[in-house]
Amino acid sequence: YILIKIDYDQEDLFLRHFTITGKGP
């Protein structure tokens, strides 16, 4: 599956951090 983790920025709550990771072959 493709995992997308989304986090708030601690300094600026309007910013979003997206980490997209390919899981599995």
PDB file of all heavy atoms in Angstrom:
ATOM      1  N   TYR A   1       0.848  -1.186   0.000  1.00  0.00           N
ATOM      2  CA  TYR A   1       0.000   0.000   0.000  1.00  0.00           C
ATOM      3  C   TYR A   1       0.883   1.235   0.000  1.00  0.00           C
ATOM      4  O   TYR A   1       2.097   1.162   0.206  1.00  0.00           O
ATOM      5  CB  TYR A   1      -0.966   0.010   1.188  1.00  0.00           C
ATOM      6  CG  TYR A   1      -0.302  -0.046   2.547  1.00  0.00           C
ATOM      7  CD1 TYR A   1      -0.064   1.119   3.276  1.00  0.00           C
ATOM      8  CD2 TYR A   1       0.083  -1.253   3.111  1.00  0.00           C
ATOM      9  CE1 TYR A   1       0.542   1.068   4.519  1.00  0.00           C
ATOM     10  CE2 TYR A   1       0.686  -1.314   4.356  1.00  0.00           C
ATOM     11  CZ  TYR A   1       0.912  -0.145   5.053  1.00  0.00           C
ATOM     12  OH  TYR A   1       1.518  -0.196   6.284  1.00  0.00           O
ATOM     13  N   ILE A   2       0.267   2.362  -0.230  1.00  0.00           N
ATOM     14  CA  ILE A   2       0.960   3.645  -0.152  1.00  0.00           C
ATOM     15  C   ILE A   2       0.528   4.292   1.154  1.00  0.00           C
ATOM     16  O   ILE A   2      -0.670   4.432   1.417  1.00  0.00           O
ATOM     17  CB  ILE A   2       0.594   4.552  -1.340  1.00  0.00           C
ATOM     18  CG1 ILE A   2       0.985   3.872  -2.659  1.00  0.00           C
ATOM     19  CG2 ILE A   2       1.263   5.919  -1.195  1.00  0.00           C
ATOM     20  CD1 ILE A   2       0.386   4.525  -3.888  1.00  0.00           C
ATOM     21  N   LEU A   3       1.485   4.660   1.976  1.00  0.00           N
ATOM     22  CA  LEU A   3       1.193   5.296   3.257  1.00  0.00           C
ATOM     23  C   LEU A   3       1.461   6.790   3.146  1.00  0.00           C
ATOM     24  O   LEU A   3       2.545   7.205   2.721  1.00  0.00           O
ATOM     25  CB  LEU A   3       2.069   4.702   4.367  1.00  0.00           C
ATOM     26  CG  LEU A   3       1.952   5.366   5.730  1.00  0.00           C
ATOM     27  CD1 LEU A   3       0.543   5.248   6.293  1.00  0.00           C
ATOM     28  CD2 LEU A   3       2.969   4.760   6.698  1.00  0.00           C
ATOM     29  N   ILE A   4       0.465   7.578   3.528  1.00  0.00           N
ATOM     30  CA  ILE A   4       0.627   9.029   3.576  1.00  0.00           C
ATOM     31  C   ILE A   4       0.414   9.475   5.016  1.00  0.00           C
ATOM     32  O   ILE A   4      -0.699   9.377   5.537  1.00  0.00           O
ATOM     33  CB  ILE A   4      -0.352   9.760   2.633  1.00  0.00           C
ATOM     34  CG1 ILE A   4      -0.143   9.291   1.188  1.00  0.00           C
ATOM     35  CG2 ILE A   4      -0.167  11.276   2.760  1.00  0.00           C
ATOM     36  CD1 ILE A   4      -1.075   9.926   0.176  1.00  0.00           C
ATOM     37  N   LYS A   5       1.489   9.924   5.641  1.00  0.00           N
ATOM     38  CA  LYS A   5       1.413  10.474   7.005  1.00  0.00           C
ATOM     39  C   LYS A   5       1.370  11.987   6.894  1.00  0.00           C
ATOM     40  O   LYS A   5       2.159  12.584   6.163  1.00  0.00           O
ATOM     41  CB  LYS A   5       2.619  10.036   7.830  1.00  0.00           C
ATOM     42  CG  LYS A   5       2.591   8.586   8.198  1.00  0.00           C
ATOM     43  CD  LYS A   5       3.712   8.265   9.162  1.00  0.00           C
ATOM     44  CE  LYS A   5       3.645   6.801   9.558  1.00  0.00           C
ATOM     45  NZ  LYS A   5       4.614   6.486  10.596  1.00  0.00           N
ATOM     46  N   ILE A   6       0.452  12.579   7.647  1.00  0.00           N
ATOM     47  CA  ILE A   6       0.278  14.026   7.613  1.00  0.00           C
ATOM     48  C   ILE A   6       0.486  14.562   9.025  1.00  0.00           C
ATOM     49  O   ILE A   6      -0.128  14.085   9.975  1.00  0.00           O
ATOM     50  CB  ILE A   6      -1.124  14.418   7.099  1.00  0.00           C
ATOM     51  CG1 ILE A   6      -1.415  13.731   5.764  1.00  0.00           C
ATOM     52  CG2 ILE A   6      -1.236  15.939   6.971  1.00  0.00           C
ATOM     53  CD1 ILE A   6      -2.841  13.876   5.283  1.00  0.00           C
ATOM     54  N   ASP A   7       1.346  15.576   9.136  1.00  0.00           N
ATOM     55  CA  ASP A   7       1.628  16.194  10.428  1.00  0.00           C
ATOM     56  C   ASP A   7       1.474  17.698  10.336  1.00  0.00           C
ATOM     57  O   ASP A   7       1.750  18.303   9.298  1.00  0.00           O
ATOM     58  CB  ASP A   7       3.073  15.877  10.866  1.00  0.00           C
ATOM     59  CG  ASP A   7       3.288  14.415  11.153  1.00  0.00           C
ATOM     60  OD1 ASP A   7       2.567  13.882  12.012  1.00  0.00           O
ATOM     61  OD2 ASP A   7       4.155  13.813  10.509  1.00  0.00           O
ATOM     62  N   TYR A   8       1.053  18.292  11.453  1.00  0.00           N
ATOM     63  CA  TYR A   8       1.058  19.743  11.590  1.00  0.00           C
ATOM     64  C   TYR A   8       2.489  20.209  11.768  1.00  0.00           C
ATOM     65  O   TYR A   8       3.321  19.501  12.329  1.00  0.00           O
ATOM     66  CB  TYR A   8       0.321  20.175  12.870  1.00  0.00           C
ATOM     67  CG  TYR A   8      -1.146  19.927  12.903  1.00  0.00           C
ATOM     68  CD1 TYR A   8      -1.672  18.838  13.584  1.00  0.00           C
ATOM     69  CD2 TYR A   8      -2.020  20.805  12.295  1.00  0.00           C
ATOM     70  CE1 TYR A   8      -3.030  18.626  13.654  1.00  0.00           C
ATOM     71  CE2 TYR A   8      -3.394  20.601  12.355  1.00  0.00           C
ATOM     72  CZ  TYR A   8      -3.889  19.513  13.039  1.00  0.00           C
ATOM     73  OH  TYR A   8      -5.226  19.300  13.104  1.00  0.00           O
ATOM     74  N   ASP A   9       2.753  21.420  11.354  1.00  0.00           N
ATOM     75  CA  ASP A   9       4.036  22.035  11.652  1.00  0.00           C
ATOM     76  C   ASP A   9       3.914  22.657  13.046  1.00  0.00           C
ATOM     77  O   ASP A   9       2.940  23.346  13.338  1.00  0.00           O
ATOM     78  CB  ASP A   9       4.357  23.118  10.612  1.00  0.00           C
ATOM     79  CG  ASP A   9       5.749  23.666  10.757  1.00  0.00           C
ATOM     80  OD1 ASP A   9       5.981  24.420  11.728  1.00  0.00           O
ATOM     81  OD2 ASP A   9       6.594  23.336   9.908  1.00  0.00           O
ATOM     82  N   GLN A  10       4.859  22.398  13.908  1.00  0.00           N
ATOM     83  CA  GLN A  10       4.802  22.904  15.290  1.00  0.00           C
ATOM     84  C   GLN A  10       4.955  24.423  15.362  1.00  0.00           C
ATOM     85  O   GLN A  10       4.456  25.059  16.279  1.00  0.00           O
ATOM     86  CB  GLN A  10       5.876  22.224  16.145  1.00  0.00           C
ATOM     87  CG  GLN A  10       5.702  20.722  16.254  1.00  0.00           C
ATOM     88  CD  GLN A  10       4.361  20.330  16.840  1.00  0.00           C
ATOM     89  OE1 GLN A  10       3.908  20.890  17.822  1.00  0.00           O
ATOM     90  NE2 GLN A  10       3.703  19.372  16.203  1.00  0.00           N
ATOM     91  N   GLU A  11       5.629  25.007  14.391  1.00  0.00           N
ATOM     92  CA  GLU A  11       5.868  26.450  14.384  1.00  0.00           C
ATOM     93  C   GLU A  11       4.741  27.224  13.689  1.00  0.00           C
ATOM     94  O   GLU A  11       4.438  28.342  14.051  1.00  0.00           O
ATOM     95  CB  GLU A  11       7.189  26.750  13.659  1.00  0.00           C
ATOM     96  CG  GLU A  11       8.362  25.925  14.136  1.00  0.00           C
ATOM     97  CD  GLU A  11       9.103  26.578  15.268  1.00  0.00           C
ATOM     98  OE1 GLU A  11       9.275  27.798  15.231  1.00  0.00           O
ATOM     99  OE2 GLU A  11       9.497  25.847  16.192  1.00  0.00           O
ATOM    100  N   ASP A  12       4.160  26.633  12.667  1.00  0.00           N
ATOM    101  CA  ASP A  12       3.137  27.294  11.862  1.00  0.00           C
ATOM    102  C   ASP A  12       2.008  26.299  11.604  1.00  0.00           C
ATOM    103  O   ASP A  12       2.141  25.397  10.776  1.00  0.00           O
ATOM    104  CB  ASP A  12       3.758  27.765  10.541  1.00  0.00           C
ATOM    105  CG  ASP A  12       2.781  28.533   9.658  1.00  0.00           C
ATOM    106  OD1 ASP A  12       1.548  28.466   9.896  1.00  0.00           O
ATOM    107  OD2 ASP A  12       3.237  29.185   8.712  1.00  0.00           O
ATOM    108  N   LEU A  13       0.895  26.448  12.298  1.00  0.00           N
ATOM    109  CA  LEU A  13      -0.201  25.476  12.211  1.00  0.00           C
ATOM    110  C   LEU A  13      -0.908  25.450  10.862  1.00  0.00           C
ATOM    111  O   LEU A  13      -1.730  24.576  10.611  1.00  0.00           O
ATOM    112  CB  LEU A  13      -1.203  25.705  13.336  1.00  0.00           C
ATOM    113  CG  LEU A  13      -0.673  25.432  14.740  1.00  0.00           C
ATOM    114  CD1 LEU A  13      -1.741  25.692  15.786  1.00  0.00           C
ATOM    115  CD2 LEU A  13      -0.163  24.003  14.862  1.00  0.00           C
ATOM    116  N   PHE A  14      -0.592  26.394   9.953  1.00  0.00           N
ATOM    117  CA  PHE A  14      -1.148  26.338   8.608  1.00  0.00           C
ATOM    118  C   PHE A  14      -0.371  25.373   7.722  1.00  0.00           C
ATOM    119  O   PHE A  14      -0.882  24.907   6.721  1.00  0.00           O
ATOM    120  CB  PHE A  14      -1.166  27.726   7.963  1.00  0.00           C
ATOM    121  CG  PHE A  14      -2.167  28.649   8.588  1.00  0.00           C
ATOM    122  CD1 PHE A  14      -1.755  29.650   9.445  1.00  0.00           C
ATOM    123  CD2 PHE A  14      -3.529  28.510   8.330  1.00  0.00           C
ATOM    124  CE1 PHE A  14      -2.678  30.491  10.035  1.00  0.00           C
ATOM    125  CE2 PHE A  14      -4.458  29.348   8.912  1.00  0.00           C
ATOM    126  CZ  PHE A  14      -4.027  30.346   9.776  1.00  0.00           C
ATOM    127  N   LEU A  15       0.875  25.098   8.091  1.00  0.00           N
ATOM    128  CA  LEU A  15       1.702  24.199   7.296  1.00  0.00           C
ATOM    129  C   LEU A  15       1.383  22.750   7.610  1.00  0.00           C
ATOM    130  O   LEU A  15       1.155  22.383   8.755  1.00  0.00           O
ATOM    131  CB  LEU A  15       3.194  24.453   7.561  1.00  0.00           C
ATOM    132  CG  LEU A  15       3.751  25.812   7.170  1.00  0.00           C
ATOM    133  CD1 LEU A  15       5.235  25.890   7.525  1.00  0.00           C
ATOM    134  CD2 LEU A  15       3.550  26.084   5.687  1.00  0.00           C
ATOM    135  N   ARG A  16       1.365  21.940   6.561  1.00  0.00           N
ATOM    136  CA  ARG A  16       1.180  20.498   6.704  1.00  0.00           C
ATOM    137  C   ARG A  16       2.372  19.805   6.075  1.00  0.00           C
ATOM    138  O   ARG A  16       2.821  20.176   4.990  1.00  0.00           O
ATOM    139  CB  ARG A  16      -0.103  20.017   6.007  1.00  0.00           C
ATOM    140  CG  ARG A  16      -1.386  20.605   6.558  1.00  0.00           C
ATOM    141  CD  ARG A  16      -1.639  20.125   7.987  1.00  0.00           C
ATOM    142  NE  ARG A  16      -2.930  20.497   8.484  1.00  0.00           N
ATOM    143  CZ  ARG A  16      -3.185  21.595   9.191  1.00  0.00           C
ATOM    144  NH1 ARG A  16      -2.214  22.448   9.438  1.00  0.00           N
ATOM    145  NH2 ARG A  16      -4.389  21.844   9.655  1.00  0.00           N
ATOM    146  N   HIS A  17       2.859  18.780   6.751  1.00  0.00           N
ATOM    147  CA  HIS A  17       3.965  17.966   6.259  1.00  0.00           C
ATOM    148  C   HIS A  17       3.407  16.614   5.840  1.00  0.00           C
ATOM    149  O   HIS A  17       2.755  15.935   6.635  1.00  0.00           O
ATOM    150  CB  HIS A  17       5.025  17.778   7.347  1.00  0.00           C
ATOM    151  CG  HIS A  17       5.702  19.039   7.737  1.00  0.00           C
ATOM    152  ND1 HIS A  17       6.911  19.409   7.213  1.00  0.00           N
ATOM    153  CD2 HIS A  17       5.333  20.035   8.585  1.00  0.00           C
ATOM    154  CE1 HIS A  17       7.274  20.579   7.733  1.00  0.00           C
ATOM    155  NE2 HIS A  17       6.328  20.973   8.561  1.00  0.00           N
ATOM    156  N   PHE A  18       3.674  16.232   4.600  1.00  0.00           N
ATOM    157  CA  PHE A  18       3.199  14.967   4.042  1.00  0.00           C
ATOM    158  C   PHE A  18       4.407  14.079   3.772  1.00  0.00           C
ATOM    159  O   PHE A  18       5.343  14.500   3.101  1.00  0.00           O
ATOM    160  CB  PHE A  18       2.451  15.191   2.724  1.00  0.00           C
ATOM    161  CG  PHE A  18       1.233  16.055   2.867  1.00  0.00           C
ATOM    162  CD1 PHE A  18       1.339  17.437   2.829  1.00  0.00           C
ATOM    163  CD2 PHE A  18      -0.010  15.489   3.037  1.00  0.00           C
ATOM    164  CE1 PHE A  18       0.219  18.239   2.969  1.00  0.00           C
ATOM    165  CE2 PHE A  18      -1.141  16.287   3.179  1.00  0.00           C
ATOM    166  CZ  PHE A  18      -1.025  17.659   3.142  1.00  0.00           C
ATOM    167  N   THR A  19       4.365  12.875   4.296  1.00  0.00           N
ATOM    168  CA  THR A  19       5.385  11.885   3.979  1.00  0.00           C
ATOM    169  C   THR A  19       4.681  10.738   3.271  1.00  0.00           C
ATOM    170  O   THR A  19       3.804  10.100   3.841  1.00  0.00           O
ATOM    171  CB  THR A  19       6.100  11.384   5.250  1.00  0.00           C
ATOM    172  OG1 THR A  19       6.652  12.511   5.944  1.00  0.00           O
ATOM    173  CG2 THR A  19       7.210  10.408   4.892  1.00  0.00           C
ATOM    174  N   ILE A  20       5.060  10.522   2.020  1.00  0.00           N
ATOM    175  CA  ILE A  20       4.441   9.489   1.191  1.00  0.00           C
ATOM    176  C   ILE A  20       5.466   8.369   1.034  1.00  0.00           C
ATOM    177  O   ILE A  20       6.571   8.594   0.546  1.00  0.00           O
ATOM    178  CB  ILE A  20       4.030  10.041  -0.182  1.00  0.00           C
ATOM    179  CG1 ILE A  20       3.098  11.249  -0.012  1.00  0.00           C
ATOM    180  CG2 ILE A  20       3.377   8.954  -1.027  1.00  0.00           C
ATOM    181  CD1 ILE A  20       2.812  12.008  -1.296  1.00  0.00           C
ATOM    182  N   THR A  21       5.073   7.168   1.468  1.00  0.00           N
ATOM    183  CA  THR A  21       5.985   6.024   1.446  1.00  0.00           C
ATOM    184  C   THR A  21       5.321   4.847   0.758  1.00  0.00           C
ATOM    185  O   THR A  21       4.180   4.502   1.070  1.00  0.00           O
ATOM    186  CB  THR A  21       6.367   5.609   2.889  1.00  0.00           C
ATOM    187  OG1 THR A  21       6.877   6.745   3.586  1.00  0.00           O
ATOM    188  CG2 THR A  21       7.410   4.502   2.885  1.00  0.00           C
ATOM    189  N   GLY A  22       6.029   4.236  -0.158  1.00  0.00           N
ATOM    190  CA  GLY A  22       5.555   3.012  -0.797  1.00  0.00           C
ATOM    191  C   GLY A  22       5.883   1.826   0.091  1.00  0.00           C
ATOM    192  O   GLY A  22       7.039   1.614   0.435  1.00  0.00           O
ATOM    193  N   LYS A  23       4.877   1.076   0.500  1.00  0.00           N
ATOM    194  CA  LYS A  23       5.059  -0.096   1.369  1.00  0.00           C
ATOM    195  C   LYS A  23       4.888  -1.369   0.545  1.00  0.00           C
ATOM    196  O   LYS A  23       3.886  -1.526  -0.156  1.00  0.00           O
ATOM    197  CB  LYS A  23       4.041  -0.100   2.514  1.00  0.00           C
ATOM    198  CG  LYS A  23       4.135   1.096   3.431  1.00  0.00           C
ATOM    199  CD  LYS A  23       5.300   0.920   4.364  1.00  0.00           C
ATOM    200  CE  LYS A  23       5.259   1.947   5.469  1.00  0.00           C
ATOM    201  NZ  LYS A  23       6.295   1.712   6.448  1.00  0.00           N
ATOM    202  N   GLY A  24       5.827  -2.260   0.645  1.00  0.00           N
ATOM    203  CA  GLY A  24       5.748  -3.537  -0.052  1.00  0.00           C
ATOM    204  C   GLY A  24       6.262  -3.452  -1.472  1.00  0.00           C
ATOM    205  O   GLY A  24       6.416  -2.361  -2.041  1.00  0.00           O
ATOM    206  N   PRO A  25       6.531  -4.609  -2.050  1.00  0.00           N
ATOM    207  CA  PRO A  25       7.132  -4.672  -3.380  1.00  0.00           C
ATOM    208  C   PRO A  25       6.330  -3.979  -4.478  1.00  0.00           C
ATOM    209  O   PRO A  25       6.900  -3.426  -5.403  1.00  0.00           O
ATOM    210  CB  PRO A  25       7.243  -6.168  -3.667  1.00  0.00           C
ATOM    211  CG  PRO A  25       6.883  -6.880  -2.433  1.00  0.00           C
ATOM    212  CD  PRO A  25       6.309  -5.917  -1.462  1.00  0.00           C
TER     213      PRO A  25
END
